[in-house]
Amino acid sequence: MSGQQGNRAGSVQVSPIDFSGAPRSRGLDVRWIHGSPSAKHNTDPDIQVHAYDEHTFILRQNMAVNYEGPFLFLLFGNERAVLIDTGATESDAFFPLRRVVDGLVKDWLTRHPRDGYGLLVLHTHAHGDHVAGDAQFADRPDTTVVGAGLATAWEFFGFAADPDAVARVDLGGRVLECLATPGHHETAVTFHDAWTGFLLTGDTVYPGRLYIQDWAAFTRTIDRLIEFSASRPVTHVLGCHIEMTRDPGVDYPIRTTYQPDEPPLELTTGHLHAIRAAIAELGDTPRRHAGTDFILCPD
């Protein structure tokens, strides 16, 4: 068989996928599920799955299940996959995340058979709408769930010893670089995937209300992301929510479950500079500030 051969009963040896080289920028080209006028009569799937490429999937939770409608990311490497965030709903009856992820892993392994393939579960931060589905993976074989709290996540990434470190998570030829990026929340982590060029910013940067717990830390984080991105290929800046409308500076009200006029999820590194410029304009007096594609919301 081309690309693979049996090496012993019940096992498979395959040629590794080459995840090296510069990422090829492409649009997401997707219409996200965005709720409906009546949540009771909503017909969207519980979880929308978008295949960005053969090894990269973006998931969105149905807003009729939870108004946050968070995005999650499933990335495959040669030795294991990583699921970044687990959504806003604990119940697998209403939010069957484990079933969907298991199906995607099964399909991927059908195309790229491997023995002992693992799953790693990480988080962008510890807010409830990003960790609620963790328990669905507690008994999953070959799975490591890293808690989102400081005591667990910071130890895993090595940030407890050095908060300025750039941690590396190797999925098997596909390496994520991970940065501690507090400001929205003390546990916030940003991930860069060299294969796609994705900069996964959680709730730190996205088209919506950027809630800022610590103004000084948030400012340092934006500076760090600008500096980091200047030396990395970044195709898309992807957060975990959409809260803006297509009208510049206008957002949907909190707890909205129908957003028919959403802008795209993807932002650019130019938005990092726009956020930094807004911070500079506000100076030492943090207050709500509406930009074209985001709103700064200091606590």
C-alpha atoms as a PDB file:
ATOM      1  CA  MET A   1       0.000   0.000   0.000  1.00  0.00           C
ATOM      2  CA  SER A   2       1.323   3.420  -0.893  1.00  0.00           C
ATOM      3  CA  GLY A   3       2.390   5.482   2.146  1.00  0.00           C
ATOM      4  CA  GLN A   4       1.741   2.777   4.727  1.00  0.00           C
ATOM      5  CA  GLN A   5       2.597  -0.805   5.581  1.00  0.00           C
ATOM      6  CA  GLY A   6       1.638  -3.258   8.296  1.00  0.00           C
ATOM      7  CA  ASN A   7       4.423  -3.929  10.791  1.00  0.00           C
ATOM      8  CA  ARG A   8       2.726  -6.316  13.205  1.00  0.00           C
ATOM      9  CA  ALA A   9      -0.737  -7.647  13.889  1.00  0.00           C
ATOM     10  CA  GLY A  10      -3.180  -4.870  14.697  1.00  0.00           C
ATOM     11  CA  SER A  11      -0.731  -2.034  14.082  1.00  0.00           C
ATOM     12  CA  VAL A  12       0.006   0.341  11.248  1.00  0.00           C
ATOM     13  CA  GLN A  13       3.107   2.275  10.244  1.00  0.00           C
ATOM     14  CA  VAL A  14       2.554   5.344   8.091  1.00  0.00           C
ATOM     15  CA  SER A  15       4.597   8.028   6.436  1.00  0.00           C
ATOM     16  CA  PRO A  16       4.401  11.220   8.503  1.00  0.00           C
ATOM     17  CA  ILE A  17       2.488  14.227   7.245  1.00  0.00           C
ATOM     18  CA  ASP A  18       4.805  17.131   6.462  1.00  0.00           C
ATOM     19  CA  PHE A  19       3.592  20.152   8.412  1.00  0.00           C
ATOM     20  CA  SER A  20       6.607  22.294   7.535  1.00  0.00           C
ATOM     21  CA  GLY A  21       6.720  25.214   5.139  1.00  0.00           C
ATOM     22  CA  ALA A  22       4.986  28.559   5.054  1.00  0.00           C
ATOM     23  CA  PRO A  23       1.218  28.535   5.577  1.00  0.00           C
ATOM     24  CA  ARG A  24      -1.005  29.112   2.587  1.00  0.00           C
ATOM     25  CA  SER A  25      -3.423  31.903   3.386  1.00  0.00           C
ATOM     26  CA  ARG A  26      -7.012  31.157   2.509  1.00  0.00           C
ATOM     27  CA  GLY A  27     -10.330  32.632   3.483  1.00  0.00           C
ATOM     28  CA  LEU A  28     -12.552  30.729   5.860  1.00  0.00           C
ATOM     29  CA  ASP A  29     -15.356  30.883   3.274  1.00  0.00           C
ATOM     30  CA  VAL A  30     -18.073  29.865   5.705  1.00  0.00           C
ATOM     31  CA  ARG A  31     -21.443  31.133   6.850  1.00  0.00           C
ATOM     32  CA  TRP A  32     -21.517  30.476  10.570  1.00  0.00           C
ATOM     33  CA  ILE A  33     -24.674  29.396  12.318  1.00  0.00           C
ATOM     34  CA  HIS A  34     -25.858  32.529  14.123  1.00  0.00           C
ATOM     35  CA  GLY A  35     -29.055  31.652  15.956  1.00  0.00           C
ATOM     36  CA  SER A  36     -32.645  32.177  14.909  1.00  0.00           C
ATOM     37  CA  PRO A  37     -35.580  34.460  15.803  1.00  0.00           C
ATOM     38  CA  SER A  38     -37.054  31.660  17.922  1.00  0.00           C
ATOM     39  CA  ALA A  39     -34.582  29.572  19.893  1.00  0.00           C
ATOM     40  CA  LYS A  40     -37.366  27.040  20.497  1.00  0.00           C
ATOM     41  CA  HIS A  41     -37.722  26.449  16.760  1.00  0.00           C
ATOM     42  CA  ASN A  42     -34.027  26.598  15.903  1.00  0.00           C
ATOM     43  CA  THR A  43     -32.982  23.929  13.383  1.00  0.00           C
ATOM     44  CA  ASP A  44     -29.215  24.488  13.361  1.00  0.00           C
ATOM     45  CA  PRO A  45     -26.922  21.644  14.463  1.00  0.00           C
ATOM     46  CA  ASP A  46     -25.811  21.697  18.088  1.00  0.00           C
ATOM     47  CA  ILE A  47     -22.260  22.145  16.788  1.00  0.00           C
ATOM     48  CA  GLN A  48     -21.267  23.462  13.371  1.00  0.00           C
ATOM     49  CA  VAL A  49     -18.068  21.941  11.990  1.00  0.00           C
ATOM     50  CA  HIS A  50     -15.995  23.755   9.386  1.00  0.00           C
ATOM     51  CA  ALA A  51     -13.019  22.026   7.783  1.00  0.00           C
ATOM     52  CA  TYR A  52     -10.448  24.747   7.138  1.00  0.00           C
ATOM     53  CA  ASP A  53      -8.197  22.084   5.672  1.00  0.00           C
ATOM     54  CA  GLU A  54      -7.798  18.330   5.993  1.00  0.00           C
ATOM     55  CA  HIS A  55      -6.093  18.653   9.388  1.00  0.00           C
ATOM     56  CA  THR A  56      -7.812  21.732  10.876  1.00  0.00           C
ATOM     57  CA  PHE A  57     -11.392  22.138  12.074  1.00  0.00           C
ATOM     58  CA  ILE A  58     -13.269  25.091  13.556  1.00  0.00           C
ATOM     59  CA  LEU A  59     -16.394  24.352  15.604  1.00  0.00           C
ATOM     60  CA  ARG A  60     -19.136  26.712  16.710  1.00  0.00           C
ATOM     61  CA  GLN A  61     -21.696  26.034  19.406  1.00  0.00           C
ATOM     62  CA  ASN A  62     -25.336  26.696  18.578  1.00  0.00           C
ATOM     63  CA  MET A  63     -26.519  30.017  20.050  1.00  0.00           C
ATOM     64  CA  ALA A  64     -29.902  28.457  20.847  1.00  0.00           C
ATOM     65  CA  VAL A  65     -28.059  26.134  23.239  1.00  0.00           C
ATOM     66  CA  ASN A  66     -25.977  28.947  24.735  1.00  0.00           C
ATOM     67  CA  TYR A  67     -26.046  32.594  23.705  1.00  0.00           C
ATOM     68  CA  GLU A  68     -22.240  32.831  23.916  1.00  0.00           C
ATOM     69  CA  GLY A  69     -21.969  30.769  20.719  1.00  0.00           C
ATOM     70  CA  PRO A  70     -18.259  30.091  21.334  1.00  0.00           C
ATOM     71  CA  PHE A  71     -15.807  28.818  18.740  1.00  0.00           C
ATOM     72  CA  LEU A  72     -13.530  25.837  19.399  1.00  0.00           C
ATOM     73  CA  PHE A  73     -10.548  24.555  17.435  1.00  0.00           C
ATOM     74  CA  LEU A  74      -9.471  20.982  16.644  1.00  0.00           C
ATOM     75  CA  LEU A  75      -5.990  20.588  15.135  1.00  0.00           C
ATOM     76  CA  PHE A  76      -4.419  17.292  14.035  1.00  0.00           C
ATOM     77  CA  GLY A  77      -0.731  16.371  14.106  1.00  0.00           C
ATOM     78  CA  ASN A  78       1.042  13.110  13.400  1.00  0.00           C
ATOM     79  CA  GLU A  79       0.920  11.831  16.977  1.00  0.00           C
ATOM     80  CA  ARG A  80      -2.065  13.553  18.558  1.00  0.00           C
ATOM     81  CA  ALA A  81      -4.750  16.147  18.068  1.00  0.00           C
ATOM     82  CA  VAL A  82      -5.470  19.143  20.259  1.00  0.00           C
ATOM     83  CA  LEU A  83      -8.913  20.504  21.122  1.00  0.00           C
ATOM     84  CA  ILE A  84      -8.711  24.120  22.224  1.00  0.00           C
ATOM     85  CA  ASP A  85     -11.649  24.945  24.525  1.00  0.00           C
ATOM     86  CA  THR A  86     -14.703  22.820  25.287  1.00  0.00           C
ATOM     87  CA  GLY A  87     -17.602  25.241  24.976  1.00  0.00           C
ATOM     88  CA  ALA A  88     -20.297  26.677  27.199  1.00  0.00           C
ATOM     89  CA  THR A  89     -22.507  23.678  28.015  1.00  0.00           C
ATOM     90  CA  GLU A  90     -21.706  20.686  30.197  1.00  0.00           C
ATOM     91  CA  SER A  91     -24.509  18.341  29.122  1.00  0.00           C
ATOM     92  CA  ASP A  92     -23.664  16.045  26.226  1.00  0.00           C
ATOM     93  CA  ALA A  93     -27.388  15.755  25.520  1.00  0.00           C
ATOM     94  CA  PHE A  94     -27.544  19.425  24.533  1.00  0.00           C
ATOM     95  CA  PHE A  95     -23.934  19.839  23.481  1.00  0.00           C
ATOM     96  CA  PRO A  96     -22.510  16.538  22.156  1.00  0.00           C
ATOM     97  CA  LEU A  97     -18.923  17.742  21.887  1.00  0.00           C
ATOM     98  CA  ARG A  98     -17.327  14.389  22.711  1.00  0.00           C
ATOM     99  CA  ARG A  99     -19.388  12.633  20.043  1.00  0.00           C
ATOM    100  CA  VAL A 100     -18.533  15.235  17.402  1.00  0.00           C
ATOM    101  CA  VAL A 101     -14.824  15.227  18.251  1.00  0.00           C
ATOM    102  CA  ASP A 102     -14.728  11.417  18.325  1.00  0.00           C
ATOM    103  CA  GLY A 103     -16.329  11.357  14.884  1.00  0.00           C
ATOM    104  CA  LEU A 104     -13.809  13.817  13.466  1.00  0.00           C
ATOM    105  CA  VAL A 105     -10.901  11.864  14.973  1.00  0.00           C
ATOM    106  CA  LYS A 106     -12.287   8.590  13.608  1.00  0.00           C
ATOM    107  CA  ASP A 107     -12.678  10.057  10.124  1.00  0.00           C
ATOM    108  CA  TRP A 108      -9.164  11.538  10.230  1.00  0.00           C
ATOM    109  CA  LEU A 109      -7.659   8.226  11.355  1.00  0.00           C
ATOM    110  CA  THR A 110      -9.476   6.447   8.535  1.00  0.00           C
ATOM    111  CA  ARG A 111      -7.596   8.666   6.106  1.00  0.00           C
ATOM    112  CA  HIS A 112      -4.357   8.694   8.131  1.00  0.00           C
ATOM    113  CA  PRO A 113      -4.261   5.452  10.161  1.00  0.00           C
ATOM    114  CA  ARG A 114      -2.077   5.449  13.263  1.00  0.00           C
ATOM    115  CA  ASP A 115      -1.730   3.444  16.450  1.00  0.00           C
ATOM    116  CA  GLY A 116      -2.149   5.001  19.886  1.00  0.00           C
ATOM    117  CA  TYR A 117      -3.335   8.357  18.572  1.00  0.00           C
ATOM    118  CA  GLY A 118      -3.878  10.816  21.416  1.00  0.00           C
ATOM    119  CA  LEU A 119      -6.040  13.829  22.161  1.00  0.00           C
ATOM    120  CA  LEU A 120      -4.897  16.830  24.199  1.00  0.00           C
ATOM    121  CA  VAL A 121      -7.482  19.280  25.563  1.00  0.00           C
ATOM    122  CA  LEU A 122      -6.247  22.815  26.231  1.00  0.00           C
ATOM    123  CA  HIS A 123      -7.976  26.149  26.856  1.00  0.00           C
ATOM    124  CA  THR A 124      -7.705  29.803  25.965  1.00  0.00           C
ATOM    125  CA  HIS A 125      -8.697  30.716  29.544  1.00  0.00           C
ATOM    126  CA  ALA A 126     -10.749  29.539  32.500  1.00  0.00           C
ATOM    127  CA  HIS A 127     -14.119  31.274  31.993  1.00  0.00           C
ATOM    128  CA  GLY A 128     -17.055  28.877  32.094  1.00  0.00           C
ATOM    129  CA  ASP A 129     -18.044  29.212  28.442  1.00  0.00           C
ATOM    130  CA  HIS A 130     -14.642  27.776  27.453  1.00  0.00           C
ATOM    131  CA  VAL A 131     -14.331  24.855  29.884  1.00  0.00           C
ATOM    132  CA  ALA A 132     -17.872  23.543  30.441  1.00  0.00           C
ATOM    133  CA  GLY A 133     -17.444  20.454  28.273  1.00  0.00           C
ATOM    134  CA  ASP A 134     -14.245  19.216  29.933  1.00  0.00           C
ATOM    135  CA  ALA A 135     -15.997  16.434  31.826  1.00  0.00           C
ATOM    136  CA  GLN A 136     -17.119  14.816  28.571  1.00  0.00           C
ATOM    137  CA  PHE A 137     -13.474  13.851  27.963  1.00  0.00           C
ATOM    138  CA  ALA A 138     -12.601  12.686  31.483  1.00  0.00           C
ATOM    139  CA  ASP A 139     -12.880   8.970  30.640  1.00  0.00           C
ATOM    140  CA  ARG A 140     -11.792   9.143  27.005  1.00  0.00           C
ATOM    141  CA  PRO A 141      -8.859   6.803  26.256  1.00  0.00           C
ATOM    142  CA  ASP A 142      -5.502   8.282  25.209  1.00  0.00           C
ATOM    143  CA  THR A 143      -6.681  11.740  26.293  1.00  0.00           C
ATOM    144  CA  THR A 144      -5.090  14.402  28.476  1.00  0.00           C
ATOM    145  CA  VAL A 145      -7.293  17.238  29.728  1.00  0.00           C
ATOM    146  CA  VAL A 146      -5.221  20.125  31.061  1.00  0.00           C
ATOM    147  CA  GLY A 147      -7.288  22.234  33.443  1.00  0.00           C
ATOM    148  CA  ALA A 148      -7.563  25.910  32.565  1.00  0.00           C
ATOM    149  CA  GLY A 149      -6.689  27.272  36.018  1.00  0.00           C
ATOM    150  CA  LEU A 150      -3.345  28.841  36.847  1.00  0.00           C
ATOM    151  CA  ALA A 151      -2.198  25.899  38.954  1.00  0.00           C
ATOM    152  CA  THR A 152      -2.694  23.438  36.083  1.00  0.00           C
ATOM    153  CA  ALA A 153      -2.321  25.366  32.830  1.00  0.00           C
ATOM    154  CA  TRP A 154       0.614  27.484  33.981  1.00  0.00           C
ATOM    155  CA  GLU A 155       2.429  24.385  35.203  1.00  0.00           C
ATOM    156  CA  PHE A 156       1.795  22.581  31.905  1.00  0.00           C
ATOM    157  CA  PHE A 157       3.070  25.465  29.772  1.00  0.00           C
ATOM    158  CA  GLY A 158       5.898  26.418  32.121  1.00  0.00           C
ATOM    159  CA  PHE A 159       4.520  29.924  32.653  1.00  0.00           C
ATOM    160  CA  ALA A 160       4.641  29.591  36.445  1.00  0.00           C
ATOM    161  CA  ALA A 161       8.437  29.645  36.243  1.00  0.00           C
ATOM    162  CA  ASP A 162       8.624  32.116  33.353  1.00  0.00           C
ATOM    163  CA  PRO A 163       5.467  34.010  32.316  1.00  0.00           C
ATOM    164  CA  ASP A 164       7.339  35.463  29.333  1.00  0.00           C
ATOM    165  CA  ALA A 165       8.249  32.058  27.942  1.00  0.00           C
ATOM    166  CA  VAL A 166       7.042  30.856  24.548  1.00  0.00           C
ATOM    167  CA  ALA A 167       5.918  27.297  25.212  1.00  0.00           C
ATOM    168  CA  ARG A 168       5.864  24.694  22.458  1.00  0.00           C
ATOM    169  CA  VAL A 169       3.246  21.967  22.170  1.00  0.00           C
ATOM    170  CA  ASP A 170       4.273  19.336  19.621  1.00  0.00           C
ATOM    171  CA  LEU A 171       1.392  17.378  18.076  1.00  0.00           C
ATOM    172  CA  GLY A 172       3.844  15.343  16.017  1.00  0.00           C
ATOM    173  CA  GLY A 173       5.465  17.543  13.386  1.00  0.00           C
ATOM    174  CA  ARG A 174       2.859  20.256  13.946  1.00  0.00           C
ATOM    175  CA  VAL A 175       4.026  22.589  16.694  1.00  0.00           C
ATOM    176  CA  LEU A 176       1.955  25.209  18.486  1.00  0.00           C
ATOM    177  CA  GLU A 177       3.666  28.164  20.131  1.00  0.00           C
ATOM    178  CA  CYS A 178       1.840  29.262  23.269  1.00  0.00           C
ATOM    179  CA  LEU A 179       2.018  32.576  25.127  1.00  0.00           C
ATOM    180  CA  ALA A 180       0.666  33.723  28.470  1.00  0.00           C
ATOM    181  CA  THR A 181      -1.549  36.671  27.528  1.00  0.00           C
ATOM    182  CA  PRO A 182      -3.373  37.935  30.648  1.00  0.00           C
ATOM    183  CA  GLY A 183      -5.549  41.010  30.698  1.00  0.00           C
ATOM    184  CA  HIS A 184      -8.970  39.652  29.809  1.00  0.00           C
ATOM    185  CA  HIS A 185      -8.359  36.954  32.407  1.00  0.00           C
ATOM    186  CA  GLU A 186      -5.320  35.984  34.420  1.00  0.00           C
ATOM    187  CA  THR A 187      -5.233  32.515  32.829  1.00  0.00           C
ATOM    188  CA  ALA A 188      -5.439  33.656  29.189  1.00  0.00           C
ATOM    189  CA  VAL A 189      -3.259  31.835  26.649  1.00  0.00           C
ATOM    190  CA  THR A 190      -2.755  32.608  22.953  1.00  0.00           C
ATOM    191  CA  PHE A 191      -1.780  29.860  20.504  1.00  0.00           C
ATOM    192  CA  HIS A 192       0.041  30.214  17.175  1.00  0.00           C
ATOM    193  CA  ASP A 193      -0.175  27.387  14.662  1.00  0.00           C
ATOM    194  CA  ALA A 194       2.571  27.632  12.059  1.00  0.00           C
ATOM    195  CA  TRP A 195       0.796  25.169   9.731  1.00  0.00           C
ATOM    196  CA  THR A 196      -2.241  27.423   9.168  1.00  0.00           C
ATOM    197  CA  GLY A 197      -0.824  30.714  10.407  1.00  0.00           C
ATOM    198  CA  PHE A 198      -3.713  30.954  12.878  1.00  0.00           C
ATOM    199  CA  LEU A 199      -3.217  33.174  15.923  1.00  0.00           C
ATOM    200  CA  LEU A 200      -5.836  31.857  18.368  1.00  0.00           C
ATOM    201  CA  THR A 201      -6.533  34.660  20.813  1.00  0.00           C
ATOM    202  CA  GLY A 202      -9.499  33.397  22.824  1.00  0.00           C
ATOM    203  CA  ASP A 203     -11.377  36.323  24.372  1.00  0.00           C
ATOM    204  CA  THR A 204      -8.379  38.652  24.205  1.00  0.00           C
ATOM    205  CA  VAL A 205      -9.030  39.728  20.602  1.00  0.00           C
ATOM    206  CA  TYR A 206     -12.165  38.985  18.580  1.00  0.00           C
ATOM    207  CA  PRO A 207     -14.922  40.938  16.796  1.00  0.00           C
ATOM    208  CA  GLY A 208     -16.821  41.900  19.908  1.00  0.00           C
ATOM    209  CA  ARG A 209     -16.639  43.322  23.410  1.00  0.00           C
ATOM    210  CA  LEU A 210     -13.121  42.913  24.757  1.00  0.00           C
ATOM    211  CA  TYR A 211     -13.699  42.676  28.505  1.00  0.00           C
ATOM    212  CA  ILE A 212     -10.523  43.780  30.254  1.00  0.00           C
ATOM    213  CA  GLN A 213      -9.919  42.591  33.808  1.00  0.00           C
ATOM    214  CA  ASP A 214      -6.452  44.145  34.104  1.00  0.00           C
ATOM    215  CA  TRP A 215      -5.758  47.205  31.927  1.00  0.00           C
ATOM    216  CA  ALA A 216      -1.979  47.204  32.374  1.00  0.00           C
ATOM    217  CA  ALA A 217      -1.707  43.463  31.716  1.00  0.00           C
ATOM    218  CA  PHE A 218      -3.951  43.762  28.650  1.00  0.00           C
ATOM    219  CA  THR A 219      -1.749  46.552  27.274  1.00  0.00           C
ATOM    220  CA  ARG A 220       1.364  44.414  27.747  1.00  0.00           C
ATOM    221  CA  THR A 221      -0.389  41.492  26.081  1.00  0.00           C
ATOM    222  CA  ILE A 222      -1.327  43.504  22.983  1.00  0.00           C
ATOM    223  CA  ASP A 223       2.249  44.784  22.758  1.00  0.00           C
ATOM    224  CA  ARG A 224       3.528  41.236  23.033  1.00  0.00           C
ATOM    225  CA  LEU A 225       1.155  39.919  20.370  1.00  0.00           C
ATOM    226  CA  ILE A 226       2.222  42.674  17.987  1.00  0.00           C
ATOM    227  CA  GLU A 227       5.876  41.875  18.575  1.00  0.00           C
ATOM    228  CA  PHE A 228       5.307  38.117  18.325  1.00  0.00           C
ATOM    229  CA  SER A 229       3.291  38.419  15.102  1.00  0.00           C
ATOM    230  CA  ALA A 230       5.969  40.538  13.452  1.00  0.00           C
ATOM    231  CA  SER A 231       8.270  37.500  13.336  1.00  0.00           C
ATOM    232  CA  ARG A 232       5.664  34.798  12.582  1.00  0.00           C
ATOM    233  CA  PRO A 233       3.379  34.123   9.624  1.00  0.00           C
ATOM    234  CA  VAL A 234      -0.134  35.093  10.736  1.00  0.00           C
ATOM    235  CA  THR A 235      -2.922  34.482   8.247  1.00  0.00           C
ATOM    236  CA  HIS A 236      -5.889  35.019  10.581  1.00  0.00           C
ATOM    237  CA  VAL A 237      -6.389  36.286  14.114  1.00  0.00           C
ATOM    238  CA  LEU A 238      -9.173  34.087  15.477  1.00  0.00           C
ATOM    239  CA  GLY A 239     -10.955  34.666  18.754  1.00  0.00           C
ATOM    240  CA  CYS A 240     -13.778  32.658  20.291  1.00  0.00           C
ATOM    241  CA  HIS A 241     -16.854  34.837  19.742  1.00  0.00           C
ATOM    242  CA  ILE A 242     -18.611  37.186  17.337  1.00  0.00           C
ATOM    243  CA  GLU A 243     -20.550  39.989  19.027  1.00  0.00           C
ATOM    244  CA  MET A 244     -20.306  42.837  16.506  1.00  0.00           C
ATOM    245  CA  THR A 245     -22.700  43.667  13.701  1.00  0.00           C
ATOM    246  CA  ARG A 246     -21.512  44.707  10.260  1.00  0.00           C
ATOM    247  CA  ASP A 247     -22.151  48.341  11.228  1.00  0.00           C
ATOM    248  CA  PRO A 248     -18.849  49.841  12.414  1.00  0.00           C
ATOM    249  CA  GLY A 249     -18.657  50.016  16.205  1.00  0.00           C
ATOM    250  CA  VAL A 250     -22.122  48.512  16.766  1.00  0.00           C
ATOM    251  CA  ASP A 251     -22.470  45.293  18.765  1.00  0.00           C
ATOM    252  CA  TYR A 252     -25.343  42.945  19.481  1.00  0.00           C
ATOM    253  CA  PRO A 253     -26.779  43.232  23.001  1.00  0.00           C
ATOM    254  CA  ILE A 254     -25.575  40.770  25.617  1.00  0.00           C
ATOM    255  CA  ARG A 255     -27.511  37.471  25.603  1.00  0.00           C
ATOM    256  CA  THR A 256     -28.585  37.922  21.989  1.00  0.00           C
ATOM    257  CA  THR A 257     -29.418  34.546  20.433  1.00  0.00           C
ATOM    258  CA  TYR A 258     -29.995  35.720  16.862  1.00  0.00           C
ATOM    259  CA  GLN A 259     -27.227  37.551  15.013  1.00  0.00           C
ATOM    260  CA  PRO A 260     -28.127  37.591  11.297  1.00  0.00           C
ATOM    261  CA  ASP A 261     -25.751  40.450  10.464  1.00  0.00           C
ATOM    262  CA  GLU A 262     -22.513  39.072  11.861  1.00  0.00           C
ATOM    263  CA  PRO A 263     -19.136  40.115  10.420  1.00  0.00           C
ATOM    264  CA  PRO A 264     -16.519  37.418   9.764  1.00  0.00           C
ATOM    265  CA  LEU A 265     -14.820  35.744  12.706  1.00  0.00           C
ATOM    266  CA  GLU A 266     -11.350  36.326  11.310  1.00  0.00           C
ATOM    267  CA  LEU A 267      -9.413  39.491  12.106  1.00  0.00           C
ATOM    268  CA  THR A 268      -5.891  40.524  11.064  1.00  0.00           C
ATOM    269  CA  THR A 269      -2.710  41.686  12.756  1.00  0.00           C
ATOM    270  CA  GLY A 270      -3.819  45.168  11.718  1.00  0.00           C
ATOM    271  CA  HIS A 271      -6.533  44.886  14.348  1.00  0.00           C
ATOM    272  CA  LEU A 272      -3.861  44.353  17.010  1.00  0.00           C
ATOM    273  CA  HIS A 273      -2.385  47.706  16.032  1.00  0.00           C
ATOM    274  CA  ALA A 274      -5.843  49.308  16.028  1.00  0.00           C
ATOM    275  CA  ILE A 275      -6.471  48.033  19.558  1.00  0.00           C
ATOM    276  CA  ARG A 276      -3.082  49.353  20.660  1.00  0.00           C
ATOM    277  CA  ALA A 277      -3.841  52.750  19.155  1.00  0.00           C
ATOM    278  CA  ALA A 278      -7.149  52.851  21.045  1.00  0.00           C
ATOM    279  CA  ILE A 279      -5.336  51.996  24.286  1.00  0.00           C
ATOM    280  CA  ALA A 280      -2.865  54.819  23.658  1.00  0.00           C
ATOM    281  CA  GLU A 281      -5.723  57.233  23.005  1.00  0.00           C
ATOM    282  CA  LEU A 282      -7.376  56.331  26.307  1.00  0.00           C
ATOM    283  CA  GLY A 283      -4.109  56.585  28.237  1.00  0.00           C
ATOM    284  CA  ASP A 284      -4.412  56.131  31.983  1.00  0.00           C
ATOM    285  CA  THR A 285      -8.207  56.530  32.069  1.00  0.00           C
ATOM    286  CA  PRO A 286      -9.634  53.211  30.858  1.00  0.00           C
ATOM    287  CA  ARG A 287     -13.186  53.486  29.596  1.00  0.00           C
ATOM    288  CA  ARG A 288     -15.461  51.926  27.026  1.00  0.00           C
ATOM    289  CA  HIS A 289     -14.200  52.639  23.531  1.00  0.00           C
ATOM    290  CA  ALA A 290     -15.837  51.498  20.295  1.00  0.00           C
ATOM    291  CA  GLY A 291     -13.566  50.719  17.376  1.00  0.00           C
ATOM    292  CA  THR A 292     -14.773  49.618  13.968  1.00  0.00           C
ATOM    293  CA  ASP A 293     -14.517  45.882  14.710  1.00  0.00           C
ATOM    294  CA  PHE A 294     -14.184  45.720  18.483  1.00  0.00           C
ATOM    295  CA  ILE A 295     -15.220  47.474  21.696  1.00  0.00           C
ATOM    296  CA  LEU A 296     -12.840  47.904  24.643  1.00  0.00           C
ATOM    297  CA  CYS A 297     -14.742  47.218  27.875  1.00  0.00           C
ATOM    298  CA  PRO A 298     -12.585  47.752  30.990  1.00  0.00           C
ATOM    299  CA  ASP A 299     -13.971  46.194  34.163  1.00  0.00           C
END
